[in-house]
Each structure stands twice: as structure tokens, then as C-alpha cells.
Amino acid sequence: MRLFYVLRYFLREAISNLGSNRLNNLISISIIMFSLFTFGLFLLTAENLTKLVGHWTENVQVNVFMQKNTQRAQSSHLESIIRSSACVANYKYVSESEALRRFQSYYPQMKQLTTQLETNPFPPSYEINVRKEFQNRVAVEDLVSRLRVDPHVDDVEYDQEWIDRIGFIIRFVRILGIFFGGILMFTATFSISNVIQLMVVSRKDEIEIMRLVGATNSFIKGPFVTEGVLQGLIGGMVSILVLFGLYNLILAKVQALRAPFFTLDLLHFLSGWTIAAVIAGGMLVGFIGSYVSLRRLMRQPVG
């Protein structure tokens, strides 16, 4: 029961401190919020890119674009190479007219533009689905090399090549997020430390009286540590709310684009555990910042 009253006292004093020093506390909370928002944004981007890449990796394709006006009969040798390859699960020939219909279906807002063209700008192509056991294998790269040297082939696109590039981008985003998040968190810790130090100095006489009547350092530090934790809690919660608002805004923009290569089901916000970890990180920063500041000040002798 005594512990409950002590904690209530800590909380009441911490809330009072937050209200009495609004500007400095607002600056500290804002720094924490911006730090956690930046870290969360990098985390959210990396998680969604990872999920998208995972989805695309399950359906790796090789797209073979033919020279314009190439008839299917002229590419019989090429088709025999595709058919005989062990790494090919299935393939489909896409004619010029079908490619045009697809474009008009995917991008209806641009349909009027295609009707104004004198000729069909889309070449015939082959869409090749790679067997899962051959993804990331040399056999696929060998097939791609053989297809590229065919005289009727204009270009060959291998999904795995740009999936690997995106994988590198994801790793880079994560490292960048940790780097900048770490710097901003250090700044937030320093800011909280300074705010708590100012509060301790402004209440120096009151603290000295409490020490003279027998109050322990832990009891004196309690409200200030609680204040730092509350700053981190508020900063963490606000950062999640801002991030969630930005996520929904981006979601609406993506939905308006009607991109054919992925659906909104592939995008998701941070998980509950991740949100809790971000908020807990803010509270930890607040705790460390206040504790470091108080540790030195509380070592000073009475009087």
C-alpha cells in the first residue's frame, strides 16, 4: 500500500513539473517525437519493402520483349529454348494487341492517349514463370543469356535482378534508420537531461530541505525520473499517431494510383509489438536522460 502512495506522489509531482516548465518540456517531447517518428518511418518503409519483395520473389518472372512486328512463327527457335529449359514452370506469349489491351486495363486514365496513336507502340513478348527451386540460380541466368542473343529479341527483363537491388535498398534503409535514429535518440537524451537538470536547480532549496529531514536520494529523484519517463511516453505516442496519419495518407495516394503490380493488402502498419517497442524506447530515453542528470546532482553534499 505504501508503494502505491509513493508512486502516486511521483506521478503527481511529475505532472506538476511538466505543467510548470511547459516550454522546455515541449522542446524535449518534440525532440523525442521527431526521433522516434524518424526511426519508425525507416522501420515502416523497410518492413513494407521486405513484404513486397517477399511477394514478388514468390512469382519471379523473365520477360522477353521481341522486336516490333515480329511474328510468333519467327520466334519458334526462341520458344523451343524456353520450352526445353528445366527452370521454366510455364510461359505465355503476349501479342502486341494483348499488350495494348493490358495497358488500357491497368491505366484507364491513359486509354485516350493510346487511341490517338497511329500504330501500336507495344511489342510482342514472352512471360516466363520461373520454378521456385530455380530462383536465384545460375540456370536462370544462363537461360536469360541465351535469350538475349536471339536476333528477334529486343530486351530481356529478369525480375530477380531488380529484386536483389531492392533487397540492397532495404538493408541500406535499415542501417540508415538505425544510424539517424541513434543520433536523434542521443540528442533527445541530452535534451531531457538538461530539462531535468534545470528543474532540479530551480527546486534546489526544496530538495535540500527534504534531504535534511531524512528523505533518501531515491525518493527525491523519483518525481524527476517519472517526469523523464512521461516525456518519453508522450513523445512515443505522438510519434506513432503522426506516423499512422502519414501511413494512411500514403495509402490513399497509392490507392488512387491503382498500381497493377501490387495491392493494398500487401501494405501494413507497424505491428502491435513494434509500436509497443517504439513507445518503450521513448520511455527508456526519458529514463536514461533524467537518471544521468540526477546521478551527478544528487552526489553534491547537503548545504
C-alpha atoms as a PDB file:
ATOM      1  CA  MET A   1       0.000   0.000   0.000  1.00  0.00           C
ATOM      2  CA  ARG A   2       2.853   2.336   0.865  1.00  0.00           C
ATOM      3  CA  LEU A   3       4.383   1.728  -2.568  1.00  0.00           C
ATOM      4  CA  PHE A   4       1.114   2.806  -4.212  1.00  0.00           C
ATOM      5  CA  TYR A   5       1.139   6.152  -2.369  1.00  0.00           C
ATOM      6  CA  VAL A   6       4.797   6.715  -3.210  1.00  0.00           C
ATOM      7  CA  LEU A   7       4.178   6.045  -6.912  1.00  0.00           C
ATOM      8  CA  ARG A   8       1.131   8.311  -6.864  1.00  0.00           C
ATOM      9  CA  TYR A   9       3.255  11.056  -5.300  1.00  0.00           C
ATOM     10  CA  PHE A  10       5.914  10.585  -8.002  1.00  0.00           C
ATOM     11  CA  LEU A  11       3.291  10.778 -10.745  1.00  0.00           C
ATOM     12  CA  ARG A  12       1.556  13.827  -9.274  1.00  0.00           C
ATOM     13  CA  GLU A  13       4.824  15.712  -8.886  1.00  0.00           C
ATOM     14  CA  ALA A  14       5.967  14.719 -12.398  1.00  0.00           C
ATOM     15  CA  ILE A  15       2.729  16.000 -13.960  1.00  0.00           C
ATOM     16  CA  SER A  16       3.075  19.209 -11.956  1.00  0.00           C
ATOM     17  CA  ASN A  17       6.661  19.620 -13.219  1.00  0.00           C
ATOM     18  CA  LEU A  18       5.525  19.106 -16.808  1.00  0.00           C
ATOM     19  CA  GLY A  19       2.946  21.875 -16.419  1.00  0.00           C
ATOM     20  CA  SER A  20       5.245  24.322 -14.634  1.00  0.00           C
ATOM     21  CA  ASN A  21       8.033  24.183 -17.227  1.00  0.00           C
ATOM     22  CA  ARG A  22       5.974  23.918 -20.412  1.00  0.00           C
ATOM     23  CA  LEU A  23       8.407  25.316 -22.984  1.00  0.00           C
ATOM     24  CA  ASN A  24      11.440  23.206 -22.071  1.00  0.00           C
ATOM     25  CA  ASN A  25       9.322  20.090 -21.678  1.00  0.00           C
ATOM     26  CA  LEU A  26       7.630  20.757 -25.009  1.00  0.00           C
ATOM     27  CA  ILE A  27      11.043  21.012 -26.688  1.00  0.00           C
ATOM     28  CA  SER A  28      12.177  17.715 -25.128  1.00  0.00           C
ATOM     29  CA  ILE A  29       8.947  15.926 -26.069  1.00  0.00           C
ATOM     30  CA  SER A  30       9.182  17.304 -29.615  1.00  0.00           C
ATOM     31  CA  ILE A  31      12.758  16.032 -29.994  1.00  0.00           C
ATOM     32  CA  ILE A  32      11.729  12.584 -28.725  1.00  0.00           C
ATOM     33  CA  MET A  33       8.712  12.583 -31.023  1.00  0.00           C
ATOM     34  CA  PHE A  34      10.776  13.534 -34.073  1.00  0.00           C
ATOM     35  CA  SER A  35      13.469  10.973 -33.191  1.00  0.00           C
ATOM     36  CA  LEU A  36      11.003   8.104 -32.802  1.00  0.00           C
ATOM     37  CA  PHE A  37       8.999   9.238 -35.837  1.00  0.00           C
ATOM     38  CA  THR A  38      12.137   9.156 -37.987  1.00  0.00           C
ATOM     39  CA  PHE A  39      13.137   5.743 -36.663  1.00  0.00           C
ATOM     40  CA  GLY A  40       9.575   4.427 -37.088  1.00  0.00           C
ATOM     41  CA  LEU A  41       9.374   5.769 -40.642  1.00  0.00           C
ATOM     42  CA  PHE A  42      12.551   3.936 -41.653  1.00  0.00           C
ATOM     43  CA  LEU A  43      11.254   0.808 -39.894  1.00  0.00           C
ATOM     44  CA  LEU A  44       7.848   1.003 -41.589  1.00  0.00           C
ATOM     45  CA  THR A  45       9.437   1.527 -45.002  1.00  0.00           C
ATOM     46  CA  ALA A  46      11.828  -1.400 -44.560  1.00  0.00           C
ATOM     47  CA  GLU A  47       9.072  -3.745 -43.309  1.00  0.00           C
ATOM     48  CA  ASN A  48       6.742  -2.990 -46.220  1.00  0.00           C
ATOM     49  CA  LEU A  49       9.505  -3.230 -48.801  1.00  0.00           C
ATOM     50  CA  THR A  50      10.509  -6.593 -47.314  1.00  0.00           C
ATOM     51  CA  LYS A  51       6.916  -7.831 -47.564  1.00  0.00           C
ATOM     52  CA  LEU A  52       6.604  -6.610 -51.161  1.00  0.00           C
ATOM     53  CA  VAL A  53       9.876  -8.252 -52.169  1.00  0.00           C
ATOM     54  CA  GLY A  54       8.786 -11.474 -50.473  1.00  0.00           C
ATOM     55  CA  HIS A  55       5.576 -11.438 -52.513  1.00  0.00           C
ATOM     56  CA  TRP A  56       7.387 -10.698 -55.768  1.00  0.00           C
ATOM     57  CA  THR A  57      10.034 -13.339 -55.069  1.00  0.00           C
ATOM     58  CA  GLU A  58       7.314 -15.998 -54.939  1.00  0.00           C
ATOM     59  CA  ASN A  59       6.453 -15.171 -58.550  1.00  0.00           C
ATOM     60  CA  VAL A  60       9.764 -14.399 -60.249  1.00  0.00           C
ATOM     61  CA  GLN A  61       9.366 -13.797 -63.974  1.00  0.00           C
ATOM     62  CA  VAL A  62      11.553 -13.388 -67.011  1.00  0.00           C
ATOM     63  CA  ASN A  63      10.020 -11.034 -69.587  1.00  0.00           C
ATOM     64  CA  VAL A  64      11.332 -11.361 -73.128  1.00  0.00           C
ATOM     65  CA  PHE A  65      10.460  -8.382 -75.344  1.00  0.00           C
ATOM     66  CA  MET A  66      10.622  -9.056 -79.075  1.00  0.00           C
ATOM     67  CA  GLN A  67      11.444  -6.679 -81.891  1.00  0.00           C
ATOM     68  CA  LYS A  68       8.413  -4.775 -83.186  1.00  0.00           C
ATOM     69  CA  ASN A  69       6.342  -6.571 -85.816  1.00  0.00           C
ATOM     70  CA  THR A  70       7.989  -9.919 -85.050  1.00  0.00           C
ATOM     71  CA  GLN A  71       5.548 -12.744 -85.776  1.00  0.00           C
ATOM     72  CA  ARG A  72       5.279 -15.691 -83.411  1.00  0.00           C
ATOM     73  CA  ALA A  73       6.344 -18.093 -86.177  1.00  0.00           C
ATOM     74  CA  GLN A  74       9.638 -16.187 -86.443  1.00  0.00           C
ATOM     75  CA  SER A  75      10.403 -16.844 -82.790  1.00  0.00           C
ATOM     76  CA  SER A  76       9.881 -20.613 -82.907  1.00  0.00           C
ATOM     77  CA  HIS A  77      13.555 -21.264 -82.094  1.00  0.00           C
ATOM     78  CA  LEU A  78      13.330 -18.932 -79.110  1.00  0.00           C
ATOM     79  CA  GLU A  79      10.158 -20.641 -77.911  1.00  0.00           C
ATOM     80  CA  SER A  80      11.812 -24.047 -78.141  1.00  0.00           C
ATOM     81  CA  ILE A  81      14.632 -22.787 -75.855  1.00  0.00           C
ATOM     82  CA  ILE A  82      12.053 -21.592 -73.330  1.00  0.00           C
ATOM     83  CA  ARG A  83      10.045 -24.813 -73.523  1.00  0.00           C
ATOM     84  CA  SER A  84      13.066 -27.067 -73.035  1.00  0.00           C
ATOM     85  CA  SER A  85      14.536 -25.181 -70.067  1.00  0.00           C
ATOM     86  CA  ALA A  86      14.262 -27.041 -66.749  1.00  0.00           C
ATOM     87  CA  CYS A  87      13.882 -23.810 -64.776  1.00  0.00           C
ATOM     88  CA  VAL A  88      10.706 -22.728 -66.630  1.00  0.00           C
ATOM     89  CA  ALA A  89       7.447 -23.547 -64.826  1.00  0.00           C
ATOM     90  CA  ASN A  90       5.245 -22.123 -67.586  1.00  0.00           C
ATOM     91  CA  TYR A  91       5.255 -19.349 -70.133  1.00  0.00           C
ATOM     92  CA  LYS A  92       2.835 -17.230 -72.115  1.00  0.00           C
ATOM     93  CA  TYR A  93       3.074 -15.418 -75.437  1.00  0.00           C
ATOM     94  CA  VAL A  94       1.687 -11.880 -75.297  1.00  0.00           C
ATOM     95  CA  SER A  95       0.821 -10.389 -78.668  1.00  0.00           C
ATOM     96  CA  GLU A  96       1.017  -6.689 -79.485  1.00  0.00           C
ATOM     97  CA  SER A  97      -2.769  -6.315 -79.323  1.00  0.00           C
ATOM     98  CA  GLU A  98      -2.988  -8.100 -75.958  1.00  0.00           C
ATOM     99  CA  ALA A  99      -0.204  -5.916 -74.541  1.00  0.00           C
ATOM    100  CA  LEU A 100      -2.180  -2.845 -75.619  1.00  0.00           C
ATOM    101  CA  ARG A 101      -5.372  -4.171 -74.001  1.00  0.00           C
ATOM    102  CA  ARG A 102      -3.496  -4.787 -70.752  1.00  0.00           C
ATOM    103  CA  PHE A 103      -2.122  -1.265 -70.708  1.00  0.00           C
ATOM    104  CA  GLN A 104      -5.587   0.193 -71.260  1.00  0.00           C
ATOM    105  CA  SER A 105      -6.956  -2.016 -68.473  1.00  0.00           C
ATOM    106  CA  TYR A 106      -4.209  -1.125 -65.986  1.00  0.00           C
ATOM    107  CA  TYR A 107      -4.200   2.588 -66.819  1.00  0.00           C
ATOM    108  CA  PRO A 108      -7.734   3.545 -67.948  1.00  0.00           C
ATOM    109  CA  GLN A 109      -6.957   7.243 -67.490  1.00  0.00           C
ATOM    110  CA  MET A 110      -4.407   6.950 -70.326  1.00  0.00           C
ATOM    111  CA  LYS A 111      -6.632   4.957 -72.686  1.00  0.00           C
ATOM    112  CA  GLN A 112      -7.464   8.064 -74.696  1.00  0.00           C
ATOM    113  CA  LEU A 113      -3.763   8.612 -75.370  1.00  0.00           C
ATOM    114  CA  THR A 114      -3.303   5.162 -76.918  1.00  0.00           C
ATOM    115  CA  THR A 115      -6.296   5.614 -79.239  1.00  0.00           C
ATOM    116  CA  GLN A 116      -4.683   8.725 -80.698  1.00  0.00           C
ATOM    117  CA  LEU A 117      -1.543   6.844 -81.770  1.00  0.00           C
ATOM    118  CA  GLU A 118      -1.257   5.734 -85.393  1.00  0.00           C
ATOM    119  CA  THR A 119       0.438   2.442 -84.512  1.00  0.00           C
ATOM    120  CA  ASN A 120       0.526   0.100 -81.545  1.00  0.00           C
ATOM    121  CA  PRO A 121       3.655   1.023 -79.518  1.00  0.00           C
ATOM    122  CA  PHE A 122       3.820  -2.277 -77.642  1.00  0.00           C
ATOM    123  CA  PRO A 123       5.989  -5.165 -78.864  1.00  0.00           C
ATOM    124  CA  PRO A 124       5.105  -8.862 -78.563  1.00  0.00           C
ATOM    125  CA  SER A 125       6.684 -10.649 -75.613  1.00  0.00           C
ATOM    126  CA  TYR A 126       7.027 -13.858 -73.649  1.00  0.00           C
ATOM    127  CA  GLU A 127       6.233 -14.020 -69.950  1.00  0.00           C
ATOM    128  CA  ILE A 128       8.196 -16.820 -68.295  1.00  0.00           C
ATOM    129  CA  ASN A 129       7.433 -18.005 -64.749  1.00  0.00           C
ATOM    130  CA  VAL A 130      10.486 -19.472 -63.026  1.00  0.00           C
ATOM    131  CA  ARG A 131      10.224 -22.583 -60.845  1.00  0.00           C
ATOM    132  CA  LYS A 132      10.712 -21.776 -57.159  1.00  0.00           C
ATOM    133  CA  GLU A 133      13.582 -24.236 -56.796  1.00  0.00           C
ATOM    134  CA  PHE A 134      15.492 -22.394 -59.555  1.00  0.00           C
ATOM    135  CA  GLN A 135      15.056 -18.866 -58.223  1.00  0.00           C
ATOM    136  CA  ASN A 136      18.405 -17.201 -57.558  1.00  0.00           C
ATOM    137  CA  ARG A 137      20.066 -20.000 -59.508  1.00  0.00           C
ATOM    138  CA  VAL A 138      22.729 -19.864 -62.202  1.00  0.00           C
ATOM    139  CA  ALA A 139      20.418 -21.872 -64.505  1.00  0.00           C
ATOM    140  CA  VAL A 140      18.045 -18.901 -64.838  1.00  0.00           C
ATOM    141  CA  GLU A 141      20.905 -16.525 -65.602  1.00  0.00           C
ATOM    142  CA  ASP A 142      22.121 -18.970 -68.248  1.00  0.00           C
ATOM    143  CA  LEU A 143      18.643 -19.022 -69.804  1.00  0.00           C
ATOM    144  CA  VAL A 144      18.490 -15.221 -69.793  1.00  0.00           C
ATOM    145  CA  SER A 145      21.892 -15.049 -71.516  1.00  0.00           C
ATOM    146  CA  ARG A 146      20.741 -17.465 -74.237  1.00  0.00           C
ATOM    147  CA  LEU A 147      17.538 -15.497 -74.814  1.00  0.00           C
ATOM    148  CA  ARG A 148      19.337 -12.157 -75.100  1.00  0.00           C
ATOM    149  CA  VAL A 149      21.491 -13.253 -78.045  1.00  0.00           C
ATOM    150  CA  ASP A 150      18.472 -14.163 -80.198  1.00  0.00           C
ATOM    151  CA  PRO A 151      18.244 -11.718 -83.168  1.00  0.00           C
ATOM    152  CA  HIS A 152      14.493 -11.224 -82.674  1.00  0.00           C
ATOM    153  CA  VAL A 153      14.878 -10.246 -79.003  1.00  0.00           C
ATOM    154  CA  ASP A 154      14.973  -6.556 -78.164  1.00  0.00           C
ATOM    155  CA  ASP A 155      15.347  -6.827 -74.383  1.00  0.00           C
ATOM    156  CA  VAL A 156      15.086  -9.343 -71.519  1.00  0.00           C
ATOM    157  CA  GLU A 157      13.996  -8.328 -68.033  1.00  0.00           C
ATOM    158  CA  TYR A 158      14.790 -10.688 -65.169  1.00  0.00           C
ATOM    159  CA  ASP A 159      12.791  -9.881 -62.008  1.00  0.00           C
ATOM    160  CA  GLN A 160      15.445 -11.284 -59.684  1.00  0.00           C
ATOM    161  CA  GLU A 161      17.958  -8.655 -60.813  1.00  0.00           C
ATOM    162  CA  TRP A 162      15.917  -5.728 -59.581  1.00  0.00           C
ATOM    163  CA  ILE A 163      14.590  -7.708 -56.585  1.00  0.00           C
ATOM    164  CA  ASP A 164      18.228  -8.049 -55.496  1.00  0.00           C
ATOM    165  CA  ARG A 165      18.664  -4.292 -55.950  1.00  0.00           C
ATOM    166  CA  ILE A 166      15.592  -3.620 -53.806  1.00  0.00           C
ATOM    167  CA  GLY A 167      16.999  -6.027 -51.206  1.00  0.00           C
ATOM    168  CA  PHE A 168      20.129  -3.883 -51.062  1.00  0.00           C
ATOM    169  CA  ILE A 169      17.977  -0.748 -50.696  1.00  0.00           C
ATOM    170  CA  ILE A 170      16.077  -2.364 -47.798  1.00  0.00           C
ATOM    171  CA  ARG A 171      19.318  -3.150 -45.968  1.00  0.00           C
ATOM    172  CA  PHE A 172      20.538   0.391 -46.621  1.00  0.00           C
ATOM    173  CA  VAL A 173      17.264   1.892 -45.306  1.00  0.00           C
ATOM    174  CA  ARG A 174      17.533  -0.175 -42.111  1.00  0.00           C
ATOM    175  CA  ILE A 175      21.139   0.866 -41.498  1.00  0.00           C
ATOM    176  CA  LEU A 176      20.257   4.490 -42.235  1.00  0.00           C
ATOM    177  CA  GLY A 177      17.297   4.302 -39.844  1.00  0.00           C
ATOM    178  CA  ILE A 178      19.438   2.884 -37.046  1.00  0.00           C
ATOM    179  CA  PHE A 179      22.160   5.496 -37.669  1.00  0.00           C
ATOM    180  CA  PHE A 180      19.921   8.575 -37.753  1.00  0.00           C
ATOM    181  CA  GLY A 181      17.605   7.149 -35.089  1.00  0.00           C
ATOM    182  CA  GLY A 182      20.597   6.630 -32.815  1.00  0.00           C
ATOM    183  CA  ILE A 183      21.839  10.182 -33.323  1.00  0.00           C
ATOM    184  CA  LEU A 184      18.390  11.663 -32.704  1.00  0.00           C
ATOM    185  CA  MET A 185      17.858   9.482 -29.635  1.00  0.00           C
ATOM    186  CA  PHE A 186      21.165  10.696 -28.210  1.00  0.00           C
ATOM    187  CA  THR A 187      20.015  14.278 -28.847  1.00  0.00           C
ATOM    188  CA  ALA A 188      16.709  13.548 -27.114  1.00  0.00           C
ATOM    189  CA  THR A 189      18.519  12.023 -24.114  1.00  0.00           C
ATOM    190  CA  PHE A 190      20.752  15.093 -23.843  1.00  0.00           C
ATOM    191  CA  SER A 191      17.736  17.416 -24.078  1.00  0.00           C
ATOM    192  CA  ILE A 192      15.819  15.597 -21.335  1.00  0.00           C
ATOM    193  CA  SER A 193      18.936  15.587 -19.161  1.00  0.00           C
ATOM    194  CA  ASN A 194      19.193  19.374 -19.474  1.00  0.00           C
ATOM    195  CA  VAL A 195      15.496  19.932 -18.735  1.00  0.00           C
ATOM    196  CA  ILE A 196      15.622  17.739 -15.626  1.00  0.00           C
ATOM    197  CA  GLN A 197      18.803  19.483 -14.509  1.00  0.00           C
ATOM    198  CA  LEU A 198      17.098  22.875 -14.800  1.00  0.00           C
ATOM    199  CA  MET A 199      14.159  21.583 -12.752  1.00  0.00           C
ATOM    200  CA  VAL A 200      16.479  20.252 -10.035  1.00  0.00           C
ATOM    201  CA  VAL A 201      18.405  23.530  -9.858  1.00  0.00           C
ATOM    202  CA  SER A 202      15.190  25.582  -9.673  1.00  0.00           C
ATOM    203  CA  ARG A 203      13.992  23.449  -6.750  1.00  0.00           C
ATOM    204  CA  LYS A 204      17.375  23.188  -5.040  1.00  0.00           C
ATOM    205  CA  ASP A 205      16.212  24.679  -1.740  1.00  0.00           C
ATOM    206  CA  GLU A 206      13.227  22.332  -1.550  1.00  0.00           C
ATOM    207  CA  ILE A 207      15.441  19.329  -2.299  1.00  0.00           C
ATOM    208  CA  GLU A 208      17.964  20.349   0.378  1.00  0.00           C
ATOM    209  CA  ILE A 209      15.187  20.591   2.987  1.00  0.00           C
ATOM    210  CA  MET A 210      13.926  17.131   2.011  1.00  0.00           C
ATOM    211  CA  ARG A 211      17.446  15.724   2.391  1.00  0.00           C
ATOM    212  CA  LEU A 212      17.882  17.405   5.802  1.00  0.00           C
ATOM    213  CA  VAL A 213      14.680  15.803   7.125  1.00  0.00           C
ATOM    214  CA  GLY A 214      15.885  12.367   6.017  1.00  0.00           C
ATOM    215  CA  ALA A 215      14.460  11.845   2.521  1.00  0.00           C
ATOM    216  CA  THR A 216      16.534   9.361   0.537  1.00  0.00           C
ATOM    217  CA  ASN A 217      18.048  10.204  -2.833  1.00  0.00           C
ATOM    218  CA  SER A 218      15.762   7.629  -4.455  1.00  0.00           C
ATOM    219  CA  PHE A 219      12.680   9.360  -3.045  1.00  0.00           C
ATOM    220  CA  ILE A 220      13.915  12.777  -4.206  1.00  0.00           C
ATOM    221  CA  LYS A 221      14.832  11.529  -7.672  1.00  0.00           C
ATOM    222  CA  GLY A 222      11.554   9.656  -8.154  1.00  0.00           C
ATOM    223  CA  PRO A 223       9.400  12.565  -9.477  1.00  0.00           C
ATOM    224  CA  PHE A 224      12.141  13.758 -11.833  1.00  0.00           C
ATOM    225  CA  VAL A 225      12.756  10.280 -13.251  1.00  0.00           C
ATOM    226  CA  THR A 226       8.990   9.851 -13.637  1.00  0.00           C
ATOM    227  CA  GLU A 227       8.882  13.183 -15.474  1.00  0.00           C
ATOM    228  CA  GLY A 228      11.522  11.975 -17.921  1.00  0.00           C
ATOM    229  CA  VAL A 229       9.637   8.712 -18.468  1.00  0.00           C
ATOM    230  CA  LEU A 230       6.394  10.649 -19.067  1.00  0.00           C
ATOM    231  CA  GLN A 231       8.153  12.836 -21.629  1.00  0.00           C
ATOM    232  CA  GLY A 232       9.289   9.703 -23.437  1.00  0.00           C
ATOM    233  CA  LEU A 233       5.812   8.167 -23.215  1.00  0.00           C
ATOM    234  CA  ILE A 234       4.109  11.252 -24.643  1.00  0.00           C
ATOM    235  CA  GLY A 235       6.763  11.652 -27.354  1.00  0.00           C
ATOM    236  CA  GLY A 236       6.463   7.983 -28.320  1.00  0.00           C
ATOM    237  CA  MET A 237       2.667   8.028 -28.505  1.00  0.00           C
ATOM    238  CA  VAL A 238       2.577  11.241 -30.550  1.00  0.00           C
ATOM    239  CA  SER A 239       5.201   9.871 -32.955  1.00  0.00           C
ATOM    240  CA  ILE A 240       3.073   6.748 -33.566  1.00  0.00           C
ATOM    241  CA  LEU A 241      -0.046   8.866 -34.162  1.00  0.00           C
ATOM    242  CA  VAL A 242       1.783  11.113 -36.645  1.00  0.00           C
ATOM    243  CA  LEU A 243       3.295   8.086 -38.377  1.00  0.00           C
ATOM    244  CA  PHE A 244      -0.124   6.406 -38.593  1.00  0.00           C
ATOM    245  CA  GLY A 245      -1.599   9.567 -40.133  1.00  0.00           C
ATOM    246  CA  LEU A 246       1.197   9.713 -42.716  1.00  0.00           C
ATOM    247  CA  TYR A 247       0.754   5.988 -43.455  1.00  0.00           C
ATOM    248  CA  ASN A 248      -2.962   6.449 -44.182  1.00  0.00           C
ATOM    249  CA  LEU A 249      -2.228   9.468 -46.363  1.00  0.00           C
ATOM    250  CA  ILE A 250       0.289   7.458 -48.416  1.00  0.00           C
ATOM    251  CA  LEU A 251      -2.193   4.557 -48.555  1.00  0.00           C
ATOM    252  CA  ALA A 252      -4.820   6.848 -50.075  1.00  0.00           C
ATOM    253  CA  LYS A 253      -2.315   8.121 -52.653  1.00  0.00           C
ATOM    254  CA  VAL A 254      -1.283   4.568 -53.595  1.00  0.00           C
ATOM    255  CA  GLN A 255      -4.914   3.526 -53.921  1.00  0.00           C
ATOM    256  CA  ALA A 256      -5.536   6.432 -56.277  1.00  0.00           C
ATOM    257  CA  LEU A 257      -2.627   5.285 -58.489  1.00  0.00           C
ATOM    258  CA  ARG A 258      -4.190   1.820 -58.965  1.00  0.00           C
ATOM    259  CA  ALA A 259      -0.774   0.267 -59.483  1.00  0.00           C
ATOM    260  CA  PRO A 260      -1.112  -3.149 -61.196  1.00  0.00           C
ATOM    261  CA  PHE A 261       1.970  -4.725 -59.601  1.00  0.00           C
ATOM    262  CA  PHE A 262       0.676  -4.867 -56.023  1.00  0.00           C
ATOM    263  CA  THR A 263      -2.472  -4.469 -53.958  1.00  0.00           C
ATOM    264  CA  LEU A 264      -3.068  -2.561 -50.744  1.00  0.00           C
ATOM    265  CA  ASP A 265      -3.286  -5.909 -48.937  1.00  0.00           C
ATOM    266  CA  LEU A 266       0.499  -6.101 -49.216  1.00  0.00           C
ATOM    267  CA  LEU A 267       0.967  -2.907 -47.191  1.00  0.00           C
ATOM    268  CA  HIS A 268       0.627  -2.865 -43.419  1.00  0.00           C
ATOM    269  CA  PHE A 269       1.313  -0.595 -40.463  1.00  0.00           C
ATOM    270  CA  LEU A 270       3.723  -1.439 -37.665  1.00  0.00           C
ATOM    271  CA  SER A 271       2.737  -4.460 -35.580  1.00  0.00           C
ATOM    272  CA  GLY A 272       1.474  -4.052 -32.018  1.00  0.00           C
ATOM    273  CA  TRP A 273       4.767  -5.337 -30.622  1.00  0.00           C
ATOM    274  CA  THR A 274       6.756  -2.873 -32.736  1.00  0.00           C
ATOM    275  CA  ILE A 275       4.533   0.034 -31.640  1.00  0.00           C
ATOM    276  CA  ALA A 276       4.999  -1.004 -28.011  1.00  0.00           C
ATOM    277  CA  ALA A 277       8.776  -1.225 -28.559  1.00  0.00           C
ATOM    278  CA  VAL A 278       8.897   2.278 -30.087  1.00  0.00           C
ATOM    279  CA  ILE A 279       6.937   3.776 -27.171  1.00  0.00           C
ATOM    280  CA  ALA A 280       9.032   1.809 -24.666  1.00  0.00           C
ATOM    281  CA  GLY A 281      12.140   3.158 -26.407  1.00  0.00           C
ATOM    282  CA  GLY A 282      10.920   6.696 -25.813  1.00  0.00           C
ATOM    283  CA  MET A 283      10.302   5.931 -22.146  1.00  0.00           C
ATOM    284  CA  LEU A 284      13.768   4.399 -21.860  1.00  0.00           C
ATOM    285  CA  VAL A 285      15.328   7.509 -23.386  1.00  0.00           C
ATOM    286  CA  GLY A 286      13.417   9.640 -20.864  1.00  0.00           C
ATOM    287  CA  PHE A 287      14.562   7.435 -18.009  1.00  0.00           C
ATOM    288  CA  ILE A 288      18.226   7.480 -19.058  1.00  0.00           C
ATOM    289  CA  GLY A 289      18.230  11.237 -19.679  1.00  0.00           C
ATOM    290  CA  SER A 290      16.764  12.039 -16.272  1.00  0.00           C
ATOM    291  CA  TYR A 291      18.822   9.420 -14.418  1.00  0.00           C
ATOM    292  CA  VAL A 292      22.136  10.629 -15.868  1.00  0.00           C
ATOM    293  CA  SER A 293      21.319  14.221 -14.927  1.00  0.00           C
ATOM    294  CA  LEU A 294      20.233  13.342 -11.385  1.00  0.00           C
ATOM    295  CA  ARG A 295      23.090  10.962 -10.659  1.00  0.00           C
ATOM    296  CA  ARG A 296      25.657  13.779 -10.690  1.00  0.00           C
ATOM    297  CA  LEU A 297      23.465  16.365  -8.937  1.00  0.00           C
ATOM    298  CA  MET A 298      22.462  14.031  -6.090  1.00  0.00           C
ATOM    299  CA  ARG A 299      26.122  13.418  -5.224  1.00  0.00           C
ATOM    300  CA  GLN A 300      26.506  17.019  -4.063  1.00  0.00           C
ATOM    301  CA  PRO A 301      26.705  17.388  -0.247  1.00  0.00           C
ATOM    302  CA  VAL A 302      23.851  18.850   1.771  1.00  0.00           C
ATOM    303  CA  GLY A 303      24.037  22.616   2.311  1.00  0.00           C
END
